[in-house]
């Protein structure tokens, strides 16, 4: 009975475990590529082909699945990280555009106020209501423009386009 409890027996068992050759590893890799789950029949067949115990085949598969899962998670993480960086860059670009457009809107608002005060521009109800509303401070949203859309005639649209062109040229 002492035979089973001696540390030397355990140590000699681990020492006798042989490393796989490159050919054996290649065969296991090809087998894993075709199916990463190891069925009992397949395990016995591979063990016979490789000349190793079925338990060693099972352990190799278990370790390979763990490495494969880790690699897969790393690839997924890298892909998500790249998408995040792209989204953040797009967000910064859009924030910059919003800032630029708010600046243009402020200039247009100031110009309309000056022109209205000097009577160079007749008080246009659509322009005045757009710039006098509280949305002028935050930027004219599509909802405020949508409210005025039905009130604007083709002639008024042309006037607004000319005003916009004039404002753009002043920059």
N, C-alpha and C. Protein backbone atom coordinates (compact mmCIF):
# COMPACT_ATOMS: atom_id res chain seq x y z
N UNK A 1 0.82 -1.20 0.00
CA UNK A 1 0.00 0.00 0.00
C UNK A 1 0.85 1.25 0.00
N UNK A 2 2.00 1.20 0.54
CA UNK A 2 2.88 2.36 0.59
C UNK A 2 3.26 2.83 -0.81
N UNK A 3 3.20 1.94 -1.78
CA UNK A 3 3.54 2.24 -3.16
C UNK A 3 2.73 3.42 -3.72
N UNK A 4 1.44 3.51 -3.36
CA UNK A 4 0.57 4.56 -3.88
C UNK A 4 0.76 5.90 -3.20
N UNK A 5 1.33 5.89 -2.00
CA UNK A 5 1.43 7.12 -1.23
C UNK A 5 2.81 7.76 -1.30
N UNK A 6 3.75 7.15 -1.95
CA UNK A 6 5.10 7.73 -1.97
C UNK A 6 5.17 8.87 -2.97
N UNK A 7 5.84 9.95 -2.59
CA UNK A 7 5.98 11.09 -3.50
C UNK A 7 6.79 10.72 -4.73
N UNK A 8 7.68 9.77 -4.63
CA UNK A 8 8.51 9.37 -5.76
C UNK A 8 7.67 8.78 -6.88
N UNK A 9 6.62 8.01 -6.52
CA UNK A 9 5.76 7.42 -7.55
C UNK A 9 5.04 8.52 -8.34
N UNK A 10 4.52 9.50 -7.63
CA UNK A 10 3.82 10.60 -8.29
C UNK A 10 4.79 11.37 -9.18
N UNK A 11 5.97 11.63 -8.67
CA UNK A 11 6.97 12.38 -9.42
C UNK A 11 7.42 11.60 -10.67
N UNK A 12 7.60 10.30 -10.56
CA UNK A 12 8.05 9.51 -11.71
C UNK A 12 6.96 9.44 -12.78
N UNK A 13 5.66 9.48 -12.36
CA UNK A 13 4.58 9.47 -13.34
C UNK A 13 4.60 10.76 -14.17
N UNK A 14 4.79 11.90 -13.52
CA UNK A 14 4.84 13.17 -14.24
C UNK A 14 6.08 13.23 -15.12
N UNK A 15 7.16 12.66 -14.66
CA UNK A 15 8.40 12.70 -15.43
C UNK A 15 8.29 11.85 -16.71
N UNK A 16 7.52 10.76 -16.64
CA UNK A 16 7.37 9.87 -17.80
C UNK A 16 6.43 10.44 -18.86
N UNK A 17 5.68 11.46 -18.52
CA UNK A 17 4.78 12.07 -19.49
C UNK A 17 5.62 12.70 -20.59
N UNK A 18 5.39 12.27 -21.80
CA UNK A 18 6.21 12.73 -22.92
C UNK A 18 5.57 13.95 -23.59
N UNK A 19 6.43 14.83 -24.04
CA UNK A 19 5.97 15.98 -24.81
C UNK A 19 5.56 15.50 -26.20
N UNK A 20 4.64 16.20 -26.79
CA UNK A 20 4.19 15.85 -28.14
C UNK A 20 5.21 16.34 -29.15
N UNK A 21 5.36 15.56 -30.21
CA UNK A 21 6.24 15.98 -31.30
C UNK A 21 5.50 17.02 -32.15
N UNK A 22 6.23 17.70 -33.01
CA UNK A 22 5.60 18.70 -33.88
C UNK A 22 4.58 18.04 -34.80
N UNK A 23 4.87 16.83 -35.26
CA UNK A 23 3.91 16.11 -36.13
C UNK A 23 2.63 15.81 -35.37
N UNK A 24 2.75 15.40 -34.10
CA UNK A 24 1.56 15.11 -33.30
C UNK A 24 0.75 16.38 -33.07
N UNK A 25 1.44 17.45 -32.77
CA UNK A 25 0.76 18.74 -32.56
C UNK A 25 0.05 19.17 -33.84
N UNK A 26 0.71 19.01 -34.98
CA UNK A 26 0.09 19.38 -36.26
C UNK A 26 -1.18 18.60 -36.51
N UNK A 27 -1.15 17.30 -36.22
CA UNK A 27 -2.34 16.47 -36.41
C UNK A 27 -3.45 16.93 -35.46
N UNK A 28 -3.11 17.19 -34.21
CA UNK A 28 -4.12 17.68 -33.26
C UNK A 28 -4.67 19.04 -33.69
N UNK A 29 -3.81 19.92 -34.19
CA UNK A 29 -4.25 21.24 -34.66
C UNK A 29 -5.25 21.10 -35.82
N UNK A 30 -4.91 20.23 -36.78
CA UNK A 30 -5.82 20.01 -37.92
C UNK A 30 -7.15 19.44 -37.43
N UNK A 31 -7.09 18.52 -36.50
CA UNK A 31 -8.30 17.93 -35.95
C UNK A 31 -9.13 18.98 -35.22
N UNK A 32 -8.46 19.83 -34.45
CA UNK A 32 -9.14 20.89 -33.71
C UNK A 32 -9.79 21.89 -34.66
N UNK A 33 -9.10 22.21 -35.75
CA UNK A 33 -9.63 23.16 -36.73
C UNK A 33 -10.93 22.65 -37.34
N UNK A 34 -10.99 21.35 -37.60
CA UNK A 34 -12.20 20.80 -38.21
C UNK A 34 -13.34 20.70 -37.19
N UNK A 35 -13.01 20.49 -35.91
CA UNK A 35 -14.04 20.42 -34.87
C UNK A 35 -13.37 20.62 -33.52
N UNK A 36 -13.75 21.71 -32.83
CA UNK A 36 -13.09 21.99 -31.55
C UNK A 36 -13.70 21.24 -30.37
N UNK A 37 -14.70 20.42 -30.61
CA UNK A 37 -15.26 19.54 -29.58
C UNK A 37 -14.73 18.14 -29.82
N UNK A 38 -14.36 17.48 -28.74
CA UNK A 38 -13.76 16.15 -28.84
C UNK A 38 -14.76 15.10 -28.38
N UNK A 39 -15.21 14.29 -29.33
CA UNK A 39 -16.13 13.20 -29.00
C UNK A 39 -15.31 11.98 -28.60
N UNK A 40 -15.90 11.10 -27.79
CA UNK A 40 -15.14 9.94 -27.29
C UNK A 40 -14.51 9.08 -28.39
N UNK A 41 -15.26 8.84 -29.46
CA UNK A 41 -14.72 8.02 -30.55
C UNK A 41 -13.52 8.70 -31.20
N UNK A 42 -13.65 9.98 -31.39
CA UNK A 42 -12.56 10.75 -32.00
C UNK A 42 -11.33 10.78 -31.10
N UNK A 43 -11.57 10.92 -29.80
CA UNK A 43 -10.46 10.92 -28.84
C UNK A 43 -9.69 9.60 -28.91
N UNK A 44 -10.41 8.50 -28.95
CA UNK A 44 -9.74 7.19 -29.03
C UNK A 44 -8.99 7.03 -30.35
N UNK A 45 -9.58 7.49 -31.43
CA UNK A 45 -8.93 7.39 -32.74
C UNK A 45 -7.65 8.23 -32.77
N UNK A 46 -7.73 9.46 -32.28
CA UNK A 46 -6.54 10.33 -32.26
C UNK A 46 -5.46 9.74 -31.35
N UNK A 47 -5.85 9.23 -30.19
CA UNK A 47 -4.87 8.63 -29.27
C UNK A 47 -4.16 7.47 -29.94
N UNK A 48 -4.89 6.67 -30.67
CA UNK A 48 -4.29 5.51 -31.37
C UNK A 48 -3.35 6.00 -32.47
N UNK A 49 -3.80 6.99 -33.26
CA UNK A 49 -2.97 7.52 -34.35
C UNK A 49 -1.68 8.15 -33.82
N UNK A 50 -1.79 8.84 -32.68
CA UNK A 50 -0.65 9.57 -32.13
C UNK A 50 0.22 8.73 -31.20
N UNK A 51 -0.32 7.59 -30.74
CA UNK A 51 0.42 6.75 -29.82
C UNK A 51 0.55 7.35 -28.43
N UNK A 52 -0.49 8.05 -27.99
CA UNK A 52 -0.51 8.66 -26.67
C UNK A 52 -1.79 8.26 -25.96
N UNK A 53 -1.84 8.40 -24.64
CA UNK A 53 -3.07 8.04 -23.91
C UNK A 53 -4.23 8.95 -24.29
N UNK A 54 -5.46 8.43 -24.33
CA UNK A 54 -6.64 9.25 -24.63
C UNK A 54 -6.77 10.46 -23.68
N UNK A 55 -6.35 10.29 -22.43
CA UNK A 55 -6.43 11.39 -21.46
C UNK A 55 -5.54 12.56 -21.91
N UNK A 56 -4.38 12.27 -22.49
CA UNK A 56 -3.50 13.33 -22.96
C UNK A 56 -4.13 14.09 -24.12
N UNK A 57 -4.84 13.36 -24.99
CA UNK A 57 -5.55 14.01 -26.10
C UNK A 57 -6.63 14.94 -25.54
N UNK A 58 -7.38 14.43 -24.54
CA UNK A 58 -8.46 15.23 -23.95
C UNK A 58 -7.90 16.49 -23.29
N UNK A 59 -6.79 16.36 -22.58
CA UNK A 59 -6.18 17.51 -21.91
C UNK A 59 -5.68 18.51 -22.94
N UNK A 60 -5.07 18.01 -24.04
CA UNK A 60 -4.59 18.92 -25.09
C UNK A 60 -5.76 19.72 -25.66
N UNK A 61 -6.88 19.03 -25.94
CA UNK A 61 -8.07 19.71 -26.47
C UNK A 61 -8.60 20.75 -25.49
N UNK A 62 -8.63 20.40 -24.21
CA UNK A 62 -9.12 21.33 -23.19
C UNK A 62 -8.25 22.58 -23.15
N UNK A 63 -6.95 22.39 -23.15
CA UNK A 63 -6.01 23.53 -23.13
C UNK A 63 -6.13 24.36 -24.40
N UNK A 64 -6.26 23.69 -25.53
CA UNK A 64 -6.36 24.39 -26.81
C UNK A 64 -7.65 25.23 -26.86
N UNK A 65 -8.76 24.68 -26.36
CA UNK A 65 -10.02 25.44 -26.33
C UNK A 65 -9.87 26.68 -25.45
N UNK A 66 -9.18 26.55 -24.33
CA UNK A 66 -8.97 27.70 -23.44
C UNK A 66 -8.13 28.77 -24.15
N UNK A 67 -7.05 28.36 -24.83
CA UNK A 67 -6.22 29.33 -25.58
C UNK A 67 -7.01 29.96 -26.71
N UNK A 68 -7.80 29.15 -27.41
CA UNK A 68 -8.61 29.63 -28.53
C UNK A 68 -9.63 30.65 -28.05
N UNK A 69 -10.26 30.38 -26.90
CA UNK A 69 -11.26 31.30 -26.37
C UNK A 69 -10.60 32.63 -25.97
N UNK A 70 -9.42 32.55 -25.36
CA UNK A 70 -8.70 33.76 -24.98
C UNK A 70 -8.34 34.58 -26.22
N UNK A 71 -7.84 33.92 -27.25
CA UNK A 71 -7.48 34.62 -28.48
C UNK A 71 -8.72 35.24 -29.11
N UNK A 72 -9.82 34.52 -29.09
CA UNK A 72 -11.07 35.02 -29.66
C UNK A 72 -11.54 36.26 -28.90
N UNK A 73 -11.45 36.22 -27.58
CA UNK A 73 -11.84 37.38 -26.78
C UNK A 73 -10.94 38.57 -27.06
N UNK A 74 -9.64 38.32 -27.23
CA UNK A 74 -8.72 39.41 -27.55
C UNK A 74 -9.05 40.04 -28.89
N UNK A 75 -9.38 39.21 -29.88
CA UNK A 75 -9.75 39.73 -31.19
C UNK A 75 -11.04 40.55 -31.10
N UNK A 76 -12.01 40.02 -30.36
CA UNK A 76 -13.27 40.75 -30.18
C UNK A 76 -13.03 42.08 -29.48
N UNK A 77 -12.19 42.06 -28.46
CA UNK A 77 -11.88 43.29 -27.72
C UNK A 77 -11.22 44.31 -28.65
N UNK A 78 -10.26 43.86 -29.45
CA UNK A 78 -9.57 44.77 -30.37
C UNK A 78 -10.53 45.36 -31.39
N UNK A 79 -11.46 44.55 -31.89
CA UNK A 79 -12.44 45.04 -32.87
C UNK A 79 -13.35 46.07 -32.21
N UNK A 80 -13.80 45.80 -31.00
CA UNK A 80 -14.67 46.73 -30.29
C UNK A 80 -13.91 48.02 -29.97
N UNK A 81 -12.65 47.88 -29.57
CA UNK A 81 -11.83 49.05 -29.27
C UNK A 81 -11.67 49.94 -30.50
N UNK A 82 -11.44 49.32 -31.66
CA UNK A 82 -11.30 50.09 -32.91
C UNK A 82 -12.61 50.81 -33.24
N UNK A 83 -13.74 50.13 -33.05
CA UNK A 83 -15.04 50.78 -33.32
C UNK A 83 -15.27 51.94 -32.36
N UNK A 84 -14.88 51.76 -31.09
CA UNK A 84 -15.03 52.83 -30.12
C UNK A 84 -14.19 54.04 -30.51
N UNK A 85 -12.95 53.80 -30.89
CA UNK A 85 -12.08 54.91 -31.29
C UNK A 85 -12.63 55.64 -32.50
N UNK A 86 -13.19 54.91 -33.46
CA UNK A 86 -13.80 55.52 -34.64
C UNK A 86 -15.02 56.36 -34.23
N UNK A 87 -15.84 55.80 -33.34
CA UNK A 87 -17.03 56.52 -32.89
C UNK A 87 -16.65 57.79 -32.12
N UNK A 88 -15.60 57.70 -31.29
CA UNK A 88 -15.17 58.88 -30.54
C UNK A 88 -14.60 59.96 -31.46
N UNK A 89 -13.87 59.54 -32.48
CA UNK A 89 -13.34 60.50 -33.46
C UNK A 89 -14.50 61.18 -34.20
N UNK A 90 -15.51 60.41 -34.56
CA UNK A 90 -16.68 60.97 -35.25
C UNK A 90 -17.42 61.94 -34.32
N UNK A 91 -17.53 61.57 -33.04
CA UNK A 91 -18.18 62.45 -32.06
C UNK A 91 -17.42 63.77 -31.95
N UNK A 92 -16.09 63.70 -31.86
CA UNK A 92 -15.31 64.94 -31.78
C UNK A 92 -15.48 65.80 -33.03
N UNK A 93 -15.52 65.14 -34.20
CA UNK A 93 -15.71 65.88 -35.45
C UNK A 93 -17.08 66.56 -35.46
N UNK A 94 -18.11 65.83 -35.03
CA UNK A 94 -19.46 66.40 -35.01
C UNK A 94 -19.57 67.54 -34.00
N UNK A 95 -18.92 67.38 -32.84
CA UNK A 95 -18.93 68.47 -31.85
C UNK A 95 -18.26 69.71 -32.41
N UNK A 96 -17.17 69.51 -33.15
CA UNK A 96 -16.48 70.64 -33.78
C UNK A 96 -17.40 71.30 -34.81
N UNK A 97 -18.09 70.49 -35.61
CA UNK A 97 -19.04 71.03 -36.60
C UNK A 97 -20.16 71.80 -35.92
N UNK A 98 -20.68 71.25 -34.81
CA UNK A 98 -21.75 71.94 -34.08
C UNK A 98 -21.25 73.29 -33.58
N UNK A 99 -20.03 73.32 -33.05
CA UNK A 99 -19.46 74.59 -32.59
C UNK A 99 -19.32 75.60 -33.72
N UNK A 100 -18.82 75.12 -34.86
CA UNK A 100 -18.66 76.00 -36.03
C UNK A 100 -20.02 76.51 -36.50
N UNK A 101 -21.01 75.63 -36.57
CA UNK A 101 -22.35 76.04 -37.01
C UNK A 101 -23.01 77.00 -36.03
N UNK A 102 -22.78 76.78 -34.74
CA UNK A 102 -23.32 77.72 -33.75
C UNK A 102 -22.69 79.10 -33.92
N UNK A 103 -21.39 79.11 -34.23
CA UNK A 103 -20.71 80.38 -34.49
C UNK A 103 -21.30 81.08 -35.70
N UNK A 104 -21.54 80.31 -36.78
CA UNK A 104 -22.15 80.89 -37.98
C UNK A 104 -23.55 81.41 -37.68
N UNK A 105 -24.29 80.66 -36.89
CA UNK A 105 -25.65 81.08 -36.54
C UNK A 105 -25.63 82.34 -35.70
N UNK A 106 -24.70 82.43 -34.78
CA UNK A 106 -24.57 83.65 -33.95
C UNK A 106 -24.24 84.85 -34.83
N UNK A 107 -23.31 84.66 -35.79
CA UNK A 107 -22.97 85.77 -36.71
C UNK A 107 -24.20 86.19 -37.51
N UNK A 108 -24.95 85.20 -38.01
CA UNK A 108 -26.15 85.51 -38.79
C UNK A 108 -27.17 86.23 -37.93
N UNK A 109 -27.34 85.78 -36.70
CA UNK A 109 -28.28 86.41 -35.78
C UNK A 109 -27.88 87.86 -35.54
N UNK A 110 -26.59 88.06 -35.24
CA UNK A 110 -26.10 89.42 -35.00
C UNK A 110 -26.29 90.30 -36.23
N UNK A 111 -26.03 89.78 -37.41
CA UNK A 111 -26.18 90.54 -38.64
C UNK A 111 -27.64 90.91 -38.88
N UNK A 112 -28.52 89.96 -38.66
CA UNK A 112 -29.95 90.24 -38.85
C UNK A 112 -30.40 91.33 -37.88
N UNK A 113 -29.93 91.25 -36.64
CA UNK A 113 -30.30 92.29 -35.67
C UNK A 113 -29.78 93.65 -36.11
N UNK A 114 -28.54 93.71 -36.57
CA UNK A 114 -27.97 94.98 -37.03
C UNK A 114 -28.72 95.50 -38.24
N UNK A 115 -28.99 94.63 -39.20
CA UNK A 115 -29.70 95.05 -40.41
C UNK A 115 -31.12 95.50 -40.09
N UNK A 116 -31.77 94.81 -39.15
CA UNK A 116 -33.12 95.23 -38.74
C UNK A 116 -33.09 96.59 -38.06
N UNK A 117 -32.05 96.85 -37.27
CA UNK A 117 -31.94 98.13 -36.57
C UNK A 117 -31.64 99.27 -37.54
N UNK A 118 -30.86 98.99 -38.58
CA UNK A 118 -30.51 100.04 -39.55
C UNK A 118 -31.52 100.11 -40.68
N UNK A 119 -32.53 99.28 -40.63
CA UNK A 119 -33.60 99.24 -41.64
C UNK A 119 -33.09 98.92 -43.03
N UNK A 120 -31.90 98.30 -43.14
CA UNK A 120 -31.41 97.89 -44.46
C UNK A 120 -32.14 96.64 -44.93
N UNK A 121 -32.68 95.92 -43.99
CA UNK A 121 -33.39 94.68 -44.32
C UNK A 121 -34.79 94.80 -43.73
N UNK A 122 -35.79 94.65 -44.58
CA UNK A 122 -37.15 94.72 -44.02
C UNK A 122 -37.33 93.59 -43.00
N UNK A 123 -38.06 93.85 -41.97
CA UNK A 123 -38.29 92.85 -40.92
C UNK A 123 -39.05 91.68 -41.53
N UNK A 124 -38.38 90.60 -41.68
CA UNK A 124 -38.96 89.39 -42.27
C UNK A 124 -39.53 88.54 -41.15
N UNK A 125 -40.82 88.21 -41.19
CA UNK A 125 -41.43 87.51 -40.06
C UNK A 125 -40.77 86.15 -39.76
N UNK A 126 -40.36 85.44 -40.79
CA UNK A 126 -39.75 84.13 -40.57
C UNK A 126 -38.39 84.29 -39.93
N UNK A 127 -37.58 85.22 -40.47
CA UNK A 127 -36.24 85.44 -39.94
C UNK A 127 -36.34 85.94 -38.50
N UNK A 128 -37.18 86.92 -38.27
CA UNK A 128 -37.29 87.49 -36.93
C UNK A 128 -37.77 86.45 -35.93
N UNK A 129 -38.76 85.67 -36.29
CA UNK A 129 -39.27 84.68 -35.34
C UNK A 129 -38.24 83.58 -35.08
N UNK A 130 -37.44 83.24 -36.09
CA UNK A 130 -36.41 82.23 -35.89
C UNK A 130 -35.35 82.75 -34.93
N UNK A 131 -34.93 84.00 -35.08
CA UNK A 131 -33.84 84.53 -34.28
C UNK A 131 -34.30 85.09 -32.95
N UNK A 132 -35.55 85.41 -32.81
CA UNK A 132 -36.03 85.94 -31.55
C UNK A 132 -36.49 84.85 -30.60
N UNK A 133 -36.61 83.64 -31.09
CA UNK A 133 -37.04 82.55 -30.22
C UNK A 133 -35.88 82.13 -29.32
N UNK A 134 -36.18 81.38 -28.29
CA UNK A 134 -35.14 80.94 -27.35
C UNK A 134 -34.17 79.97 -28.02
N UNK A 135 -34.56 79.40 -29.15
CA UNK A 135 -33.67 78.44 -29.81
C UNK A 135 -32.48 79.13 -30.45
N UNK A 136 -32.51 80.46 -30.57
CA UNK A 136 -31.38 81.16 -31.18
C UNK A 136 -30.12 81.00 -30.34
N UNK A 137 -30.27 80.94 -29.02
CA UNK A 137 -29.11 80.79 -28.15
C UNK A 137 -28.51 79.40 -28.29
N UNK A 138 -29.36 78.40 -28.46
CA UNK A 138 -28.89 77.02 -28.53
C UNK A 138 -28.64 76.57 -29.96
N UNK A 139 -29.01 77.32 -30.90
CA UNK A 139 -28.92 76.93 -32.30
C UNK A 139 -30.31 76.59 -32.80
N UNK A 140 -30.62 76.98 -34.01
CA UNK A 140 -31.94 76.72 -34.55
C UNK A 140 -32.04 75.25 -34.85
N UNK A 141 -33.01 74.62 -34.24
CA UNK A 141 -33.19 73.19 -34.47
C UNK A 141 -34.10 72.95 -35.65
N UNK A 142 -34.16 71.71 -36.06
CA UNK A 142 -35.00 71.38 -37.21
C UNK A 142 -36.46 71.60 -36.88
N UNK A 143 -36.84 71.49 -35.59
CA UNK A 143 -38.24 71.68 -35.24
C UNK A 143 -38.67 73.12 -35.44
N UNK A 144 -37.81 74.11 -35.09
CA UNK A 144 -38.19 75.50 -35.29
C UNK A 144 -38.23 75.84 -36.78
N UNK A 145 -37.32 75.27 -37.53
CA UNK A 145 -37.35 75.49 -38.98
C UNK A 145 -38.58 74.83 -39.59
N UNK A 146 -38.95 73.68 -39.09
CA UNK A 146 -40.10 72.95 -39.61
C UNK A 146 -41.37 73.75 -39.36
N UNK A 147 -41.46 74.44 -38.22
CA UNK A 147 -42.64 75.24 -37.91
C UNK A 147 -42.84 76.35 -38.94
N UNK A 148 -41.75 76.90 -39.43
CA UNK A 148 -41.83 78.03 -40.35
C UNK A 148 -41.85 77.60 -41.82
N UNK A 149 -41.61 76.33 -42.05
CA UNK A 149 -41.47 75.86 -43.43
C UNK A 149 -42.72 76.12 -44.26
N UNK A 150 -43.90 75.91 -43.66
CA UNK A 150 -45.15 76.10 -44.40
C UNK A 150 -45.44 77.57 -44.68
N UNK A 151 -44.83 78.47 -43.88
CA UNK A 151 -45.09 79.89 -44.03
C UNK A 151 -44.19 80.53 -45.10
N UNK A 152 -43.17 79.85 -45.52
CA UNK A 152 -42.17 80.44 -46.42
C UNK A 152 -42.57 80.17 -47.88
N UNK A 153 -42.67 81.25 -48.65
CA UNK A 153 -42.98 81.12 -50.07
C UNK A 153 -41.68 80.91 -50.85
N UNK A 154 -41.79 80.62 -52.14
CA UNK A 154 -40.60 80.45 -52.98
C UNK A 154 -39.77 81.73 -53.01
N UNK A 155 -40.45 82.87 -53.07
CA UNK A 155 -39.74 84.15 -53.08
C UNK A 155 -38.96 84.34 -51.78
N UNK A 156 -39.59 83.97 -50.67
CA UNK A 156 -38.92 84.10 -49.38
C UNK A 156 -37.73 83.15 -49.26
N UNK A 157 -37.88 81.96 -49.82
CA UNK A 157 -36.78 81.01 -49.81
C UNK A 157 -35.60 81.60 -50.57
N UNK A 158 -35.88 82.22 -51.73
CA UNK A 158 -34.81 82.85 -52.51
C UNK A 158 -34.15 83.96 -51.70
N UNK A 159 -34.94 84.75 -50.98
CA UNK A 159 -34.36 85.81 -50.16
C UNK A 159 -33.47 85.22 -49.06
N UNK A 160 -33.93 84.17 -48.44
CA UNK A 160 -33.14 83.53 -47.39
C UNK A 160 -31.85 82.93 -47.95
N UNK A 161 -31.93 82.35 -49.13
CA UNK A 161 -30.73 81.81 -49.76
C UNK A 161 -29.73 82.92 -50.08
N UNK A 162 -30.24 84.05 -50.54
CA UNK A 162 -29.36 85.19 -50.82
C UNK A 162 -28.73 85.72 -49.54
N UNK A 163 -29.50 85.78 -48.46
CA UNK A 163 -28.98 86.22 -47.18
C UNK A 163 -27.89 85.26 -46.70
N UNK A 164 -28.14 83.98 -46.83
CA UNK A 164 -27.16 82.99 -46.42
C UNK A 164 -25.88 83.14 -47.24
N UNK A 165 -26.02 83.30 -48.56
CA UNK A 165 -24.86 83.48 -49.42
C UNK A 165 -24.08 84.72 -49.02
N UNK A 166 -24.81 85.78 -48.69
CA UNK A 166 -24.18 87.02 -48.24
C UNK A 166 -23.41 86.79 -46.95
N UNK A 167 -24.01 86.08 -46.04
CA UNK A 167 -23.34 85.79 -44.75
C UNK A 167 -22.10 84.95 -44.94
N UNK A 168 -22.16 84.00 -45.82
CA UNK A 168 -21.01 83.11 -46.09
C UNK A 168 -19.88 83.93 -46.70
N UNK A 169 -20.21 84.84 -47.61
CA UNK A 169 -19.19 85.67 -48.26
C UNK A 169 -18.52 86.61 -47.27
N UNK A 170 -19.19 86.98 -46.18
CA UNK A 170 -18.64 87.93 -45.22
C UNK A 170 -17.54 87.28 -44.35
N UNK A 171 -17.44 85.99 -44.36
CA UNK A 171 -16.47 85.32 -43.48
C UNK A 171 -15.09 85.44 -43.97
